[in-house]
Amino acid sequence: MKSMIFAFLAVAVIAVAADFGLDYAGFSSQDATSGPSVRLD
């Protein structure tokens, strides 16, 4: 049971770290899907 809880926590930490890391590197969905002809308000 402890290993499953640890695995769930590890997945959550990896997901949050990946979100911040990719956003910092410029791979956010807003940057990836917008071009010069797209207006995002």
C-alpha atoms as a PDB file:
ATOM      1  CA  MET A   1       0.000   0.000   0.000  1.00  0.00           C
ATOM      2  CA  LYS A   2       2.854   2.366   0.792  1.00  0.00           C
ATOM      3  CA  SER A   3       4.415   1.790  -2.598  1.00  0.00           C
ATOM      4  CA  MET A   4       1.169   2.661  -4.400  1.00  0.00           C
ATOM      5  CA  ILE A   5       0.783   5.913  -2.462  1.00  0.00           C
ATOM      6  CA  PHE A   6       4.425   6.732  -3.157  1.00  0.00           C
ATOM      7  CA  ALA A   7       3.870   6.035  -6.866  1.00  0.00           C
ATOM      8  CA  PHE A   8       0.817   8.319  -6.966  1.00  0.00           C
ATOM      9  CA  LEU A   9       2.781  11.089  -5.270  1.00  0.00           C
ATOM     10  CA  ALA A  10       5.686  10.584  -7.665  1.00  0.00           C
ATOM     11  CA  VAL A  11       3.368  10.863 -10.674  1.00  0.00           C
ATOM     12  CA  ALA A  12       1.863  14.070  -9.285  1.00  0.00           C
ATOM     13  CA  VAL A  13       5.291  15.594  -8.644  1.00  0.00           C
ATOM     14  CA  ILE A  14       6.523  14.644 -12.122  1.00  0.00           C
ATOM     15  CA  ALA A  15       3.382  16.083 -13.734  1.00  0.00           C
ATOM     16  CA  VAL A  16       3.686  19.401 -11.891  1.00  0.00           C
ATOM     17  CA  ALA A  17       7.418  19.629 -12.604  1.00  0.00           C
ATOM     18  CA  ALA A  18       6.846  18.855 -16.293  1.00  0.00           C
ATOM     19  CA  ASP A  19       4.129  21.513 -16.498  1.00  0.00           C
ATOM     20  CA  PHE A  20       6.363  24.199 -15.015  1.00  0.00           C
ATOM     21  CA  GLY A  21       9.404  23.042 -16.979  1.00  0.00           C
ATOM     22  CA  LEU A  22       7.671  22.980 -20.346  1.00  0.00           C
ATOM     23  CA  ASP A  23       5.980  26.313 -19.685  1.00  0.00           C
ATOM     24  CA  TYR A  24       9.357  27.849 -18.785  1.00  0.00           C
ATOM     25  CA  ALA A  25      10.951  26.382 -21.936  1.00  0.00           C
ATOM     26  CA  GLY A  26       8.246  27.903 -24.165  1.00  0.00           C
ATOM     27  CA  PHE A  27       6.242  24.782 -24.897  1.00  0.00           C
ATOM     28  CA  SER A  28       2.954  25.994 -23.472  1.00  0.00           C
ATOM     29  CA  SER A  29      -0.181  25.290 -25.470  1.00  0.00           C
ATOM     30  CA  GLN A  30      -0.659  29.005 -26.041  1.00  0.00           C
ATOM     31  CA  ASP A  31       2.801  29.338 -27.573  1.00  0.00           C
ATOM     32  CA  ALA A  32       2.464  26.151 -29.606  1.00  0.00           C
ATOM     33  CA  THR A  33      -0.951  26.838 -31.133  1.00  0.00           C
ATOM     34  CA  SER A  34      -0.771  30.547 -31.806  1.00  0.00           C
ATOM     35  CA  GLY A  35       0.812  32.257 -34.760  1.00  0.00           C
ATOM     36  CA  PRO A  36       1.064  35.811 -35.994  1.00  0.00           C
ATOM     37  CA  SER A  37      -2.456  35.621 -37.458  1.00  0.00           C
ATOM     38  CA  VAL A  38      -4.076  34.420 -34.222  1.00  0.00           C
ATOM     39  CA  ARG A  39      -5.270  36.941 -31.673  1.00  0.00           C
ATOM     40  CA  LEU A  40      -5.436  35.747 -28.087  1.00  0.00           C
ATOM     41  CA  ASP A  41      -7.090  38.110 -25.634  1.00  0.00           C
END
